[in-house]
Amino acid sequence: MTEITICPKCQSDNIYFDGSMYICPDCGYECTANEEQDAELDNTPRDSNGTELVTGDAVTVIQDLKVKGSSMVIKRGTKVKSIRLTDEPTEVDCKIDGSSIVLKTCFLRK
């Protein structure tokens, strides 16, 4: 059985094994080890609801995000147009207020 250390949905490291399933207390995600192995093989970028993302999509930010290295805060409900996929399936590149920013897909909704 493979040891899961990071939640595949929210990327939190608080995931734990309760004897039969892996559970993330932060987002409530539950899966068995077999489901996790299947999910690892699928590298398609997905938003917080599991909807597949493609380059050019418009998404909405689902919670307030502080931008590291600046005093900028991206407010919940901010619409982001024309996202670009990166090599990392959990990240997308976009422009907000003229600034190029990389956002985690777990904070986005299509």
Protein backbone atom coordinates (compact mmCIF):
# COMPACT_ATOMS: atom_id res chain seq x y z
CA MET A 1 0.00 0.00 0.00
CA THR A 2 1.35 3.42 -0.96
CA GLU A 3 1.73 6.05 1.76
CA ILE A 4 -0.18 9.24 0.89
CA THR A 5 1.31 12.35 2.45
CA ILE A 6 -0.43 15.20 0.58
CA CYS A 7 -4.15 15.65 -0.14
CA PRO A 8 -4.72 15.46 -3.91
CA LYS A 9 -7.60 17.95 -3.70
CA CYS A 10 -6.27 20.81 -1.55
CA GLN A 11 -2.54 19.93 -1.36
CA SER A 12 -2.64 19.99 2.46
CA ASP A 13 -0.17 17.82 4.38
CA ASN A 14 -2.67 17.05 7.18
CA ILE A 15 -4.00 13.88 5.50
CA TYR A 16 -4.19 10.76 7.68
CA PHE A 17 -5.06 7.06 7.35
CA ASP A 18 -7.96 5.87 9.53
CA GLY A 19 -7.52 2.14 8.87
CA SER A 20 -9.42 1.85 5.61
CA MET A 21 -9.32 5.30 3.96
CA TYR A 22 -7.16 8.39 3.70
CA ILE A 23 -8.94 11.49 5.03
CA CYS A 24 -8.09 15.19 4.76
CA PRO A 25 -9.58 17.15 7.69
CA ASP A 26 -9.05 20.48 5.88
CA CYS A 27 -11.25 19.83 2.81
CA GLY A 28 -13.03 16.58 3.78
CA TYR A 29 -11.56 14.59 0.88
CA GLU A 30 -11.65 10.81 1.36
CA CYS A 31 -10.09 8.10 -0.80
CA THR A 32 -8.62 4.63 -0.67
CA ALA A 33 -5.02 3.96 -1.67
CA ASN A 34 -6.18 2.47 -5.00
CA GLU A 35 -8.20 5.60 -5.87
CA GLU A 36 -5.16 7.74 -5.04
CA GLN A 37 -2.92 5.70 -7.33
CA ASP A 38 -5.43 6.15 -10.17
CA ALA A 39 -5.59 9.90 -9.46
CA GLU A 40 -1.79 10.17 -9.57
CA LEU A 41 -1.79 8.76 -13.10
CA ASP A 42 -4.25 11.45 -14.23
CA ASN A 43 -2.27 14.69 -14.60
CA THR A 44 -5.04 16.84 -16.03
CA PRO A 45 -5.43 20.17 -14.23
CA ARG A 46 -8.71 20.37 -12.33
CA ASP A 47 -10.39 23.17 -10.36
CA SER A 48 -11.67 22.87 -6.78
CA ASN A 49 -14.84 21.10 -7.99
CA GLY A 50 -12.96 18.60 -10.16
CA THR A 51 -13.79 20.26 -13.49
CA GLU A 52 -11.02 19.93 -16.07
CA LEU A 53 -9.20 23.18 -16.90
CA VAL A 54 -7.79 24.10 -20.31
CA THR A 55 -5.73 27.04 -21.55
CA GLY A 56 -7.93 30.08 -22.16
CA ASP A 57 -10.58 29.25 -19.54
CA ALA A 58 -12.09 31.92 -17.31
CA VAL A 59 -12.10 31.02 -13.60
CA THR A 60 -13.17 32.58 -10.30
CA VAL A 61 -11.10 32.72 -7.09
CA ILE A 62 -12.98 30.97 -4.26
CA GLN A 63 -11.23 32.53 -1.24
CA ASP A 64 -9.11 35.57 -0.36
CA LEU A 65 -5.46 34.95 -1.25
CA LYS A 66 -2.46 36.90 0.02
CA VAL A 67 0.24 37.27 -2.63
CA LYS A 68 3.67 36.36 -1.28
CA GLY A 69 6.23 39.13 -1.51
CA SER A 70 3.69 41.95 -1.83
CA SER A 71 0.85 43.60 0.04
CA MET A 72 -1.61 42.59 -2.69
CA VAL A 73 -4.66 40.48 -1.77
CA ILE A 74 -6.73 38.70 -4.39
CA LYS A 75 -10.33 38.89 -3.17
CA ARG A 76 -12.80 36.03 -3.28
CA GLY A 77 -14.97 36.25 -6.40
CA THR A 78 -12.24 37.80 -8.58
CA LYS A 79 -12.73 36.65 -12.16
CA VAL A 80 -9.58 35.62 -14.00
CA LYS A 81 -9.75 35.39 -17.79
CA SER A 82 -7.48 33.48 -20.15
CA ILE A 83 -5.55 31.24 -17.79
CA ARG A 84 -2.48 29.40 -19.08
CA LEU A 85 -1.61 25.88 -17.95
CA THR A 86 1.87 25.22 -16.57
CA ASP A 87 3.98 22.06 -16.44
CA GLU A 88 2.66 21.50 -12.91
CA PRO A 89 -0.98 20.24 -13.06
CA THR A 90 -1.85 21.95 -9.74
CA GLU A 91 -0.85 25.44 -10.94
CA VAL A 92 -2.05 27.90 -13.59
CA ASP A 93 -0.47 31.13 -14.82
CA CYS A 94 -2.65 34.24 -15.19
CA LYS A 95 -2.70 38.03 -15.08
CA ILE A 96 -4.51 39.90 -12.34
CA ASP A 97 -4.44 43.71 -12.33
CA GLY A 98 -1.56 43.64 -14.84
CA SER A 99 0.60 41.36 -12.67
CA SER A 100 1.53 37.86 -13.84
CA ILE A 101 0.68 35.43 -11.03
CA VAL A 102 0.73 31.65 -10.59
CA LEU A 103 -2.31 30.31 -8.72
CA LYS A 104 -3.03 26.88 -7.26
CA THR A 105 -5.98 25.18 -8.97
CA CYS A 106 -7.51 24.21 -5.60
CA PHE A 107 -8.41 27.91 -5.08
CA LEU A 108 -10.17 28.26 -8.45
CA ARG A 109 -13.65 27.45 -9.77
CA LYS A 110 -14.55 27.30 -13.46
